[in-house]
Amino acid sequence: VVLFAVGLRYPKWEELHALASEPLE
């Protein structure tokens, strides 16, 4: 599964980076 993480409001980026597929950018 390809996993994208889209941050809302004031996101906690560390967690979203840990969730998403590579490359993170």
mmCIF file of all heavy atoms, coordinates in Angstrom:
data_MODEL
# 
_entry.id   MODEL 
# 
loop_
_atom_site.group_PDB 
_atom_site.id 
_atom_site.type_symbol 
_atom_site.label_atom_id 
_atom_site.label_alt_id 
_atom_site.label_comp_id 
_atom_site.label_asym_id 
_atom_site.label_entity_id 
_atom_site.label_seq_id 
_atom_site.pdbx_PDB_ins_code 
_atom_site.Cartn_x 
_atom_site.Cartn_y 
_atom_site.Cartn_z 
_atom_site.occupancy 
_atom_site.B_iso_or_equiv 
_atom_site.pdbx_formal_charge 
_atom_site.auth_seq_id 
_atom_site.auth_comp_id 
_atom_site.auth_asym_id 
_atom_site.auth_atom_id 
_atom_site.pdbx_PDB_model_num 
ATOM 1   N N   . VAL A 1 1  ? 0.855  -1.193 0.000  1.00 0.00 ? 1  VAL A N   1 
ATOM 2   C CA  . VAL A 1 1  ? 0.000  0.000  0.000  1.00 0.00 ? 1  VAL A CA  1 
ATOM 3   C C   . VAL A 1 1  ? 0.893  1.246  0.000  1.00 0.00 ? 1  VAL A C   1 
ATOM 4   O O   . VAL A 1 1  ? 1.835  1.347  0.794  1.00 0.00 ? 1  VAL A O   1 
ATOM 5   C CB  . VAL A 1 1  ? -0.923 0.020  1.239  1.00 0.00 ? 1  VAL A CB  1 
ATOM 6   C CG1 . VAL A 1 1  ? -1.726 1.321  1.303  1.00 0.00 ? 1  VAL A CG1 1 
ATOM 7   C CG2 . VAL A 1 1  ? -1.861 -1.179 1.212  1.00 0.00 ? 1  VAL A CG2 1 
ATOM 8   N N   . VAL A 1 2  ? 0.623  2.181  -0.897 1.00 0.00 ? 2  VAL A N   1 
ATOM 9   C CA  . VAL A 1 2  ? 1.345  3.459  -0.921 1.00 0.00 ? 2  VAL A CA  1 
ATOM 10  C C   . VAL A 1 2  ? 0.646  4.395  0.058  1.00 0.00 ? 2  VAL A C   1 
ATOM 11  O O   . VAL A 1 2  ? -0.564 4.629  -0.043 1.00 0.00 ? 2  VAL A O   1 
ATOM 12  C CB  . VAL A 1 2  ? 1.357  4.064  -2.339 1.00 0.00 ? 2  VAL A CB  1 
ATOM 13  C CG1 . VAL A 1 2  ? 2.070  5.412  -2.348 1.00 0.00 ? 2  VAL A CG1 1 
ATOM 14  C CG2 . VAL A 1 2  ? 2.015  3.104  -3.322 1.00 0.00 ? 2  VAL A CG2 1 
ATOM 15  N N   . LEU A 1 3  ? 1.391  4.930  1.018  1.00 0.00 ? 3  LEU A N   1 
ATOM 16  C CA  . LEU A 1 3  ? 0.794  5.709  2.104  1.00 0.00 ? 3  LEU A CA  1 
ATOM 17  C C   . LEU A 1 3  ? 1.242  7.165  2.039  1.00 0.00 ? 3  LEU A C   1 
ATOM 18  O O   . LEU A 1 3  ? 2.423  7.475  2.151  1.00 0.00 ? 3  LEU A O   1 
ATOM 19  C CB  . LEU A 1 3  ? 1.189  5.087  3.443  1.00 0.00 ? 3  LEU A CB  1 
ATOM 20  C CG  . LEU A 1 3  ? 0.490  5.554  4.711  1.00 0.00 ? 3  LEU A CG  1 
ATOM 21  C CD1 . LEU A 1 3  ? -1.034 5.464  4.589  1.00 0.00 ? 3  LEU A CD1 1 
ATOM 22  C CD2 . LEU A 1 3  ? 0.938  4.722  5.906  1.00 0.00 ? 3  LEU A CD2 1 
ATOM 23  N N   . PHE A 1 4  ? 0.270  8.055  1.824  1.00 0.00 ? 4  PHE A N   1 
ATOM 24  C CA  . PHE A 1 4  ? 0.504  9.494  1.871  1.00 0.00 ? 4  PHE A CA  1 
ATOM 25  C C   . PHE A 1 4  ? 0.041  10.030 3.221  1.00 0.00 ? 4  PHE A C   1 
ATOM 26  O O   . PHE A 1 4  ? -0.961 9.565  3.765  1.00 0.00 ? 4  PHE A O   1 
ATOM 27  C CB  . PHE A 1 4  ? -0.289 10.224 0.778  1.00 0.00 ? 4  PHE A CB  1 
ATOM 28  C CG  . PHE A 1 4  ? 0.214  9.988  -0.618 1.00 0.00 ? 4  PHE A CG  1 
ATOM 29  C CD1 . PHE A 1 4  ? -0.265 8.916  -1.365 1.00 0.00 ? 4  PHE A CD1 1 
ATOM 30  C CD2 . PHE A 1 4  ? 1.143  10.838 -1.194 1.00 0.00 ? 4  PHE A CD2 1 
ATOM 31  C CE1 . PHE A 1 4  ? 0.185  8.692  -2.658 1.00 0.00 ? 4  PHE A CE1 1 
ATOM 32  C CE2 . PHE A 1 4  ? 1.594  10.623 -2.490 1.00 0.00 ? 4  PHE A CE2 1 
ATOM 33  C CZ  . PHE A 1 4  ? 1.118  9.559  -3.228 1.00 0.00 ? 4  PHE A CZ  1 
ATOM 34  N N   . ALA A 1 5  ? 0.753  11.014 3.753  1.00 0.00 ? 5  ALA A N   1 
ATOM 35  C CA  . ALA A 1 5  ? 0.346  11.667 5.000  1.00 0.00 ? 5  ALA A CA  1 
ATOM 36  C C   . ALA A 1 5  ? 0.170  13.158 4.724  1.00 0.00 ? 5  ALA A C   1 
ATOM 37  O O   . ALA A 1 5  ? 1.108  13.825 4.286  1.00 0.00 ? 5  ALA A O   1 
ATOM 38  C CB  . ALA A 1 5  ? 1.396  11.450 6.089  1.00 0.00 ? 5  ALA A CB  1 
ATOM 39  N N   . VAL A 1 6  ? -1.039 13.662 4.943  1.00 0.00 ? 6  VAL A N   1 
ATOM 40  C CA  . VAL A 1 6  ? -1.345 15.066 4.681  1.00 0.00 ? 6  VAL A CA  1 
ATOM 41  C C   . VAL A 1 6  ? -1.665 15.743 6.013  1.00 0.00 ? 6  VAL A C   1 
ATOM 42  O O   . VAL A 1 6  ? -2.620 15.382 6.693  1.00 0.00 ? 6  VAL A O   1 
ATOM 43  C CB  . VAL A 1 6  ? -2.532 15.206 3.696  1.00 0.00 ? 6  VAL A CB  1 
ATOM 44  C CG1 . VAL A 1 6  ? -2.822 16.682 3.416  1.00 0.00 ? 6  VAL A CG1 1 
ATOM 45  C CG2 . VAL A 1 6  ? -2.236 14.473 2.391  1.00 0.00 ? 6  VAL A CG2 1 
ATOM 46  N N   . GLY A 1 7  ? -0.836 16.720 6.388  1.00 0.00 ? 7  GLY A N   1 
ATOM 47  C CA  . GLY A 1 7  ? -0.966 17.382 7.679  1.00 0.00 ? 7  GLY A CA  1 
ATOM 48  C C   . GLY A 1 7  ? -2.046 18.442 7.682  1.00 0.00 ? 7  GLY A C   1 
ATOM 49  O O   . GLY A 1 7  ? -2.235 19.169 6.703  1.00 0.00 ? 7  GLY A O   1 
ATOM 50  N N   . LEU A 1 8  ? -2.772 18.535 8.803  1.00 0.00 ? 8  LEU A N   1 
ATOM 51  C CA  . LEU A 1 8  ? -3.840 19.521 8.979  1.00 0.00 ? 8  LEU A CA  1 
ATOM 52  C C   . LEU A 1 8  ? -3.508 20.454 10.136 1.00 0.00 ? 8  LEU A C   1 
ATOM 53  O O   . LEU A 1 8  ? -2.911 20.042 11.127 1.00 0.00 ? 8  LEU A O   1 
ATOM 54  C CB  . LEU A 1 8  ? -5.163 18.814 9.291  1.00 0.00 ? 8  LEU A CB  1 
ATOM 55  C CG  . LEU A 1 8  ? -5.708 17.887 8.201  1.00 0.00 ? 8  LEU A CG  1 
ATOM 56  C CD1 . LEU A 1 8  ? -6.790 16.981 8.773  1.00 0.00 ? 8  LEU A CD1 1 
ATOM 57  C CD2 . LEU A 1 8  ? -6.272 18.697 7.042  1.00 0.00 ? 8  LEU A CD2 1 
ATOM 58  N N   . ARG A 1 9  ? -3.899 21.696 9.986  1.00 0.00 ? 9  ARG A N   1 
ATOM 59  C CA  . ARG A 1 9  ? -3.778 22.719 11.026 1.00 0.00 ? 9  ARG A CA  1 
ATOM 60  C C   . ARG A 1 9  ? -2.335 22.885 11.501 1.00 0.00 ? 9  ARG A C   1 
ATOM 61  O O   . ARG A 1 9  ? -1.516 23.404 10.784 1.00 0.00 ? 9  ARG A O   1 
ATOM 62  C CB  . ARG A 1 9  ? -4.744 22.436 12.182 1.00 0.00 ? 9  ARG A CB  1 
ATOM 63  C CG  . ARG A 1 9  ? -4.982 23.656 13.059 1.00 0.00 ? 9  ARG A CG  1 
ATOM 64  C CD  . ARG A 1 9  ? -6.276 23.561 13.835 1.00 0.00 ? 9  ARG A CD  1 
ATOM 65  N NE  . ARG A 1 9  ? -6.422 24.627 14.792 1.00 0.00 ? 9  ARG A NE  1 
ATOM 66  C CZ  . ARG A 1 9  ? -6.750 25.880 14.507 1.00 0.00 ? 9  ARG A CZ  1 
ATOM 67  N NH1 . ARG A 1 9  ? -6.977 26.229 13.269 1.00 0.00 ? 9  ARG A NH1 1 
ATOM 68  N NH2 . ARG A 1 9  ? -6.862 26.788 15.453 1.00 0.00 ? 9  ARG A NH2 1 
ATOM 69  N N   . TYR A 1 10 ? -1.979 22.446 12.708 1.00 0.00 ? 10 TYR A N   1 
ATOM 70  C CA  . TYR A 1 10 ? -0.604 22.536 13.203 1.00 0.00 ? 10 TYR A CA  1 
ATOM 71  C C   . TYR A 1 10 ? -0.089 21.114 13.389 1.00 0.00 ? 10 TYR A C   1 
ATOM 72  O O   . TYR A 1 10 ? -0.121 20.570 14.489 1.00 0.00 ? 10 TYR A O   1 
ATOM 73  C CB  . TYR A 1 10 ? -0.544 23.304 14.532 1.00 0.00 ? 10 TYR A CB  1 
ATOM 74  C CG  . TYR A 1 10 ? -1.159 24.679 14.449 1.00 0.00 ? 10 TYR A CG  1 
ATOM 75  C CD1 . TYR A 1 10 ? -2.319 24.986 15.157 1.00 0.00 ? 10 TYR A CD1 1 
ATOM 76  C CD2 . TYR A 1 10 ? -0.601 25.657 13.637 1.00 0.00 ? 10 TYR A CD2 1 
ATOM 77  C CE1 . TYR A 1 10 ? -2.897 26.246 15.071 1.00 0.00 ? 10 TYR A CE1 1 
ATOM 78  C CE2 . TYR A 1 10 ? -1.169 26.919 13.538 1.00 0.00 ? 10 TYR A CE2 1 
ATOM 79  C CZ  . TYR A 1 10 ? -2.316 27.209 14.257 1.00 0.00 ? 10 TYR A CZ  1 
ATOM 80  O OH  . TYR A 1 10 ? -2.880 28.450 14.154 1.00 0.00 ? 10 TYR A OH  1 
ATOM 81  N N   . PRO A 1 11 ? 0.382  20.493 12.318 1.00 0.00 ? 11 PRO A N   1 
ATOM 82  C CA  . PRO A 1 11 ? 0.651  19.055 12.377 1.00 0.00 ? 11 PRO A CA  1 
ATOM 83  C C   . PRO A 1 11 ? 1.914  18.708 13.166 1.00 0.00 ? 11 PRO A C   1 
ATOM 84  O O   . PRO A 1 11 ? 2.839  19.505 13.289 1.00 0.00 ? 11 PRO A O   1 
ATOM 85  C CB  . PRO A 1 11 ? 0.817  18.659 10.908 1.00 0.00 ? 11 PRO A CB  1 
ATOM 86  C CG  . PRO A 1 11 ? 0.936  19.902 10.140 1.00 0.00 ? 11 PRO A CG  1 
ATOM 87  C CD  . PRO A 1 11 ? 0.618  21.065 11.005 1.00 0.00 ? 11 PRO A CD  1 
ATOM 88  N N   . LYS A 1 12 ? 1.929  17.490 13.663 1.00 0.00 ? 12 LYS A N   1 
ATOM 89  C CA  . LYS A 1 12 ? 3.121  16.921 14.279 1.00 0.00 ? 12 LYS A CA  1 
ATOM 90  C C   . LYS A 1 12 ? 3.859  16.169 13.164 1.00 0.00 ? 12 LYS A C   1 
ATOM 91  O O   . LYS A 1 12 ? 3.548  15.022 12.852 1.00 0.00 ? 12 LYS A O   1 
ATOM 92  C CB  . LYS A 1 12 ? 2.728  15.975 15.413 1.00 0.00 ? 12 LYS A CB  1 
ATOM 93  C CG  . LYS A 1 12 ? 3.900  15.462 16.221 1.00 0.00 ? 12 LYS A CG  1 
ATOM 94  C CD  . LYS A 1 12 ? 3.412  14.593 17.368 1.00 0.00 ? 12 LYS A CD  1 
ATOM 95  C CE  . LYS A 1 12 ? 4.590  14.032 18.156 1.00 0.00 ? 12 LYS A CE  1 
ATOM 96  N NZ  . LYS A 1 12 ? 4.123  13.121 19.223 1.00 0.00 ? 12 LYS A NZ  1 
ATOM 97  N N   . TRP A 1 13 ? 4.822  16.856 12.549 1.00 0.00 ? 13 TRP A N   1 
ATOM 98  C CA  . TRP A 1 13 ? 5.454  16.340 11.342 1.00 0.00 ? 13 TRP A CA  1 
ATOM 99  C C   . TRP A 1 13 ? 6.213  15.043 11.586 1.00 0.00 ? 13 TRP A C   1 
ATOM 100 O O   . TRP A 1 13 ? 6.272  14.179 10.709 1.00 0.00 ? 13 TRP A O   1 
ATOM 101 C CB  . TRP A 1 13 ? 6.387  17.395 10.737 1.00 0.00 ? 13 TRP A CB  1 
ATOM 102 C CG  . TRP A 1 13 ? 5.655  18.571 10.189 1.00 0.00 ? 13 TRP A CG  1 
ATOM 103 C CD1 . TRP A 1 13 ? 5.650  19.845 10.674 1.00 0.00 ? 13 TRP A CD1 1 
ATOM 104 C CD2 . TRP A 1 13 ? 4.781  18.586 9.053  1.00 0.00 ? 13 TRP A CD2 1 
ATOM 105 N NE1 . TRP A 1 13 ? 4.829  20.649 9.911  1.00 0.00 ? 13 TRP A NE1 1 
ATOM 106 C CE2 . TRP A 1 13 ? 4.293  19.908 8.915  1.00 0.00 ? 13 TRP A CE2 1 
ATOM 107 C CE3 . TRP A 1 13 ? 4.362  17.608 8.139  1.00 0.00 ? 13 TRP A CE3 1 
ATOM 108 C CZ2 . TRP A 1 13 ? 3.410  20.278 7.905  1.00 0.00 ? 13 TRP A CZ2 1 
ATOM 109 C CZ3 . TRP A 1 13 ? 3.492  17.975 7.126  1.00 0.00 ? 13 TRP A CZ3 1 
ATOM 110 C CH2 . TRP A 1 13 ? 3.016  19.301 7.022  1.00 0.00 ? 13 TRP A CH2 1 
ATOM 111 N N   . GLU A 1 14 ? 6.801  14.880 12.790 1.00 0.00 ? 14 GLU A N   1 
ATOM 112 C CA  . GLU A 1 14 ? 7.576  13.663 13.056 1.00 0.00 ? 14 GLU A CA  1 
ATOM 113 C C   . GLU A 1 14 ? 6.717  12.412 12.865 1.00 0.00 ? 14 GLU A C   1 
ATOM 114 O O   . GLU A 1 14 ? 7.159  11.414 12.287 1.00 0.00 ? 14 GLU A O   1 
ATOM 115 C CB  . GLU A 1 14 ? 8.132  13.671 14.495 1.00 0.00 ? 14 GLU A CB  1 
ATOM 116 C CG  . GLU A 1 14 ? 9.066  14.824 14.799 1.00 0.00 ? 14 GLU A CG  1 
ATOM 117 C CD  . GLU A 1 14 ? 8.325  16.086 15.250 1.00 0.00 ? 14 GLU A CD  1 
ATOM 118 O OE1 . GLU A 1 14 ? 7.069  16.050 15.331 1.00 0.00 ? 14 GLU A OE1 1 
ATOM 119 O OE2 . GLU A 1 14 ? 8.990  17.109 15.476 1.00 0.00 ? 14 GLU A OE2 1 
ATOM 120 N N   . GLU A 1 15 ? 5.476  12.482 13.356 1.00 0.00 ? 15 GLU A N   1 
ATOM 121 C CA  . GLU A 1 15 ? 4.590  11.326 13.227 1.00 0.00 ? 15 GLU A CA  1 
ATOM 122 C C   . GLU A 1 15 ? 4.190  11.095 11.778 1.00 0.00 ? 15 GLU A C   1 
ATOM 123 O O   . GLU A 1 15 ? 4.185  9.955  11.299 1.00 0.00 ? 15 GLU A O   1 
ATOM 124 C CB  . GLU A 1 15 ? 3.337  11.518 14.081 1.00 0.00 ? 15 GLU A CB  1 
ATOM 125 C CG  . GLU A 1 15 ? 2.404  10.322 14.033 1.00 0.00 ? 15 GLU A CG  1 
ATOM 126 C CD  . GLU A 1 15 ? 1.210  10.452 14.964 1.00 0.00 ? 15 GLU A CD  1 
ATOM 127 O OE1 . GLU A 1 15 ? 1.430  10.666 16.175 1.00 0.00 ? 15 GLU A OE1 1 
ATOM 128 O OE2 . GLU A 1 15 ? 0.075  10.357 14.477 1.00 0.00 ? 15 GLU A OE2 1 
ATOM 129 N N   . LEU A 1 16 ? 3.877  12.171 11.055 1.00 0.00 ? 16 LEU A N   1 
ATOM 130 C CA  . LEU A 1 16 ? 3.465  12.026 9.655  1.00 0.00 ? 16 LEU A CA  1 
ATOM 131 C C   . LEU A 1 16 ? 4.611  11.468 8.815  1.00 0.00 ? 16 LEU A C   1 
ATOM 132 O O   . LEU A 1 16 ? 4.398  10.656 7.912  1.00 0.00 ? 16 LEU A O   1 
ATOM 133 C CB  . LEU A 1 16 ? 2.981  13.369 9.107  1.00 0.00 ? 16 LEU A CB  1 
ATOM 134 C CG  . LEU A 1 16 ? 1.719  13.933 9.789  1.00 0.00 ? 16 LEU A CG  1 
ATOM 135 C CD1 . LEU A 1 16 ? 1.349  15.279 9.197  1.00 0.00 ? 16 LEU A CD1 1 
ATOM 136 C CD2 . LEU A 1 16 ? 0.544  12.967 9.657  1.00 0.00 ? 16 LEU A CD2 1 
ATOM 137 N N   . HIS A 1 17 ? 5.853  11.895 9.117  1.00 0.00 ? 17 HIS A N   1 
ATOM 138 C CA  . HIS A 1 17 ? 7.015  11.365 8.399  1.00 0.00 ? 17 HIS A CA  1 
ATOM 139 C C   . HIS A 1 17 ? 7.197  9.875  8.685  1.00 0.00 ? 17 HIS A C   1 
ATOM 140 O O   . HIS A 1 17 ? 7.592  9.109  7.794  1.00 0.00 ? 17 HIS A O   1 
ATOM 141 C CB  . HIS A 1 17 ? 8.280  12.132 8.806  1.00 0.00 ? 17 HIS A CB  1 
ATOM 142 C CG  . HIS A 1 17 ? 8.335  13.511 8.234  1.00 0.00 ? 17 HIS A CG  1 
ATOM 143 N ND1 . HIS A 1 17 ? 9.150  14.493 8.731  1.00 0.00 ? 17 HIS A ND1 1 
ATOM 144 C CD2 . HIS A 1 17 ? 7.655  14.085 7.206  1.00 0.00 ? 17 HIS A CD2 1 
ATOM 145 C CE1 . HIS A 1 17 ? 8.990  15.615 8.037  1.00 0.00 ? 17 HIS A CE1 1 
ATOM 146 N NE2 . HIS A 1 17 ? 8.080  15.381 7.108  1.00 0.00 ? 17 HIS A NE2 1 
ATOM 147 N N   . ALA A 1 18 ? 6.914  9.465  9.921  1.00 0.00 ? 18 ALA A N   1 
ATOM 148 C CA  . ALA A 1 18 ? 7.060  8.044  10.293 1.00 0.00 ? 18 ALA A CA  1 
ATOM 149 C C   . ALA A 1 18 ? 6.025  7.168  9.591  1.00 0.00 ? 18 ALA A C   1 
ATOM 150 O O   . ALA A 1 18 ? 6.250  5.981  9.365  1.00 0.00 ? 18 ALA A O   1 
ATOM 151 C CB  . ALA A 1 18 ? 6.947  7.892  11.814 1.00 0.00 ? 18 ALA A CB  1 
ATOM 152 N N   . LEU A 1 19 ? 4.866  7.768  9.234  1.00 0.00 ? 19 LEU A N   1 
ATOM 153 C CA  . LEU A 1 19 ? 3.786  7.008  8.604  1.00 0.00 ? 19 LEU A CA  1 
ATOM 154 C C   . LEU A 1 19 ? 3.957  6.861  7.091  1.00 0.00 ? 19 LEU A C   1 
ATOM 155 O O   . LEU A 1 19 ? 3.620  5.833  6.522  1.00 0.00 ? 19 LEU A O   1 
ATOM 156 C CB  . LEU A 1 19 ? 2.448  7.706  8.863  1.00 0.00 ? 19 LEU A CB  1 
ATOM 157 C CG  . LEU A 1 19 ? 1.911  7.717  10.286 1.00 0.00 ? 19 LEU A CG  1 
ATOM 158 C CD1 . LEU A 1 19 ? 0.718  8.655  10.384 1.00 0.00 ? 19 LEU A CD1 1 
ATOM 159 C CD2 . LEU A 1 19 ? 1.505  6.317  10.703 1.00 0.00 ? 19 LEU A CD2 1 
ATOM 160 N N   . ALA A 1 20 ? 4.453  7.902  6.438  1.00 0.00 ? 20 ALA A N   1 
ATOM 161 C CA  . ALA A 1 20 ? 4.390  7.993  4.974  1.00 0.00 ? 20 ALA A CA  1 
ATOM 162 C C   . ALA A 1 20 ? 5.388  7.080  4.276  1.00 0.00 ? 20 ALA A C   1 
ATOM 163 O O   . ALA A 1 20 ? 6.404  6.672  4.841  1.00 0.00 ? 20 ALA A O   1 
ATOM 164 C CB  . ALA A 1 20 ? 4.629  9.440  4.544  1.00 0.00 ? 20 ALA A CB  1 
ATOM 165 N N   . SER A 1 21 ? 5.076  6.777  3.015  1.00 0.00 ? 21 SER A N   1 
ATOM 166 C CA  . SER A 1 21 ? 5.994  6.026  2.160  1.00 0.00 ? 21 SER A CA  1 
ATOM 167 C C   . SER A 1 21 ? 7.187  6.893  1.785  1.00 0.00 ? 21 SER A C   1 
ATOM 168 O O   . SER A 1 21 ? 7.132  8.126  1.862  1.00 0.00 ? 21 SER A O   1 
ATOM 169 C CB  . SER A 1 21 ? 5.267  5.567  0.887  1.00 0.00 ? 21 SER A CB  1 
ATOM 170 O OG  . SER A 1 21 ? 4.223  4.672  1.192  1.00 0.00 ? 21 SER A OG  1 
ATOM 171 N N   . GLU A 1 22 ? 8.255  6.247  1.358  1.00 0.00 ? 22 GLU A N   1 
ATOM 172 C CA  . GLU A 1 22 ? 9.446  6.949  0.875  1.00 0.00 ? 22 GLU A CA  1 
ATOM 173 C C   . GLU A 1 22 ? 9.306  7.233  -0.621 1.00 0.00 ? 22 GLU A C   1 
ATOM 174 O O   . GLU A 1 22 ? 8.652  6.469  -1.324 1.00 0.00 ? 22 GLU A O   1 
ATOM 175 C CB  . GLU A 1 22 ? 10.694 6.092  1.125  1.00 0.00 ? 22 GLU A CB  1 
ATOM 176 C CG  . GLU A 1 22 ? 10.986 5.827  2.591  1.00 0.00 ? 22 GLU A CG  1 
ATOM 177 C CD  . GLU A 1 22 ? 11.644 7.006  3.293  1.00 0.00 ? 22 GLU A CD  1 
ATOM 178 O OE1 . GLU A 1 22 ? 12.040 7.965  2.598  1.00 0.00 ? 22 GLU A OE1 1 
ATOM 179 O OE2 . GLU A 1 22 ? 11.752 6.959  4.522  1.00 0.00 ? 22 GLU A OE2 1 
ATOM 180 N N   . PRO A 1 23 ? 9.917  8.295  -1.168 1.00 0.00 ? 23 PRO A N   1 
ATOM 181 C CA  . PRO A 1 23 ? 10.625 9.363  -0.463 1.00 0.00 ? 23 PRO A CA  1 
ATOM 182 C C   . PRO A 1 23 ? 9.637  10.310 0.216  1.00 0.00 ? 23 PRO A C   1 
ATOM 183 O O   . PRO A 1 23 ? 8.575  10.609 -0.355 1.00 0.00 ? 23 PRO A O   1 
ATOM 184 C CB  . PRO A 1 23 ? 11.415 10.066 -1.572 1.00 0.00 ? 23 PRO A CB  1 
ATOM 185 C CG  . PRO A 1 23 ? 10.600 9.827  -2.809 1.00 0.00 ? 23 PRO A CG  1 
ATOM 186 C CD  . PRO A 1 23 ? 9.951  8.483  -2.640 1.00 0.00 ? 23 PRO A CD  1 
ATOM 187 N N   . LEU A 1 24 ? 9.973  10.799 1.401  1.00 0.00 ? 24 LEU A N   1 
ATOM 188 C CA  . LEU A 1 24 ? 9.035  11.590 2.198  1.00 0.00 ? 24 LEU A CA  1 
ATOM 189 C C   . LEU A 1 24 ? 8.603  12.870 1.496  1.00 0.00 ? 24 LEU A C   1 
ATOM 190 O O   . LEU A 1 24 ? 7.454  13.292 1.611  1.00 0.00 ? 24 LEU A O   1 
ATOM 191 C CB  . LEU A 1 24 ? 9.665  11.921 3.561  1.00 0.00 ? 24 LEU A CB  1 
ATOM 192 C CG  . LEU A 1 24 ? 9.933  10.719 4.482  1.00 0.00 ? 24 LEU A CG  1 
ATOM 193 C CD1 . LEU A 1 24 ? 10.562 11.177 5.772  1.00 0.00 ? 24 LEU A CD1 1 
ATOM 194 C CD2 . LEU A 1 24 ? 8.654  9.937  4.749  1.00 0.00 ? 24 LEU A CD2 1 
ATOM 195 N N   . GLU A 1 25 ? 9.528  13.511 0.749  1.00 0.00 ? 25 GLU A N   1 
ATOM 196 C CA  . GLU A 1 25 ? 9.167  14.785 0.102  1.00 0.00 ? 25 GLU A CA  1 
ATOM 197 C C   . GLU A 1 25 ? 8.083  14.619 -0.954 1.00 0.00 ? 25 GLU A C   1 
ATOM 198 O O   . GLU A 1 25 ? 7.424  15.591 -1.341 1.00 0.00 ? 25 GLU A O   1 
ATOM 199 C CB  . GLU A 1 25 ? 10.399 15.466 -0.515 1.00 0.00 ? 25 GLU A CB  1 
ATOM 200 C CG  . GLU A 1 25 ? 11.092 14.691 -1.608 1.00 0.00 ? 25 GLU A CG  1 
ATOM 201 C CD  . GLU A 1 25 ? 12.181 13.761 -1.087 1.00 0.00 ? 25 GLU A CD  1 
ATOM 202 O OE1 . GLU A 1 25 ? 12.197 13.448 0.127  1.00 0.00 ? 25 GLU A OE1 1 
ATOM 203 O OE2 . GLU A 1 25 ? 13.013 13.337 -1.913 1.00 0.00 ? 25 GLU A OE2 1 
# 
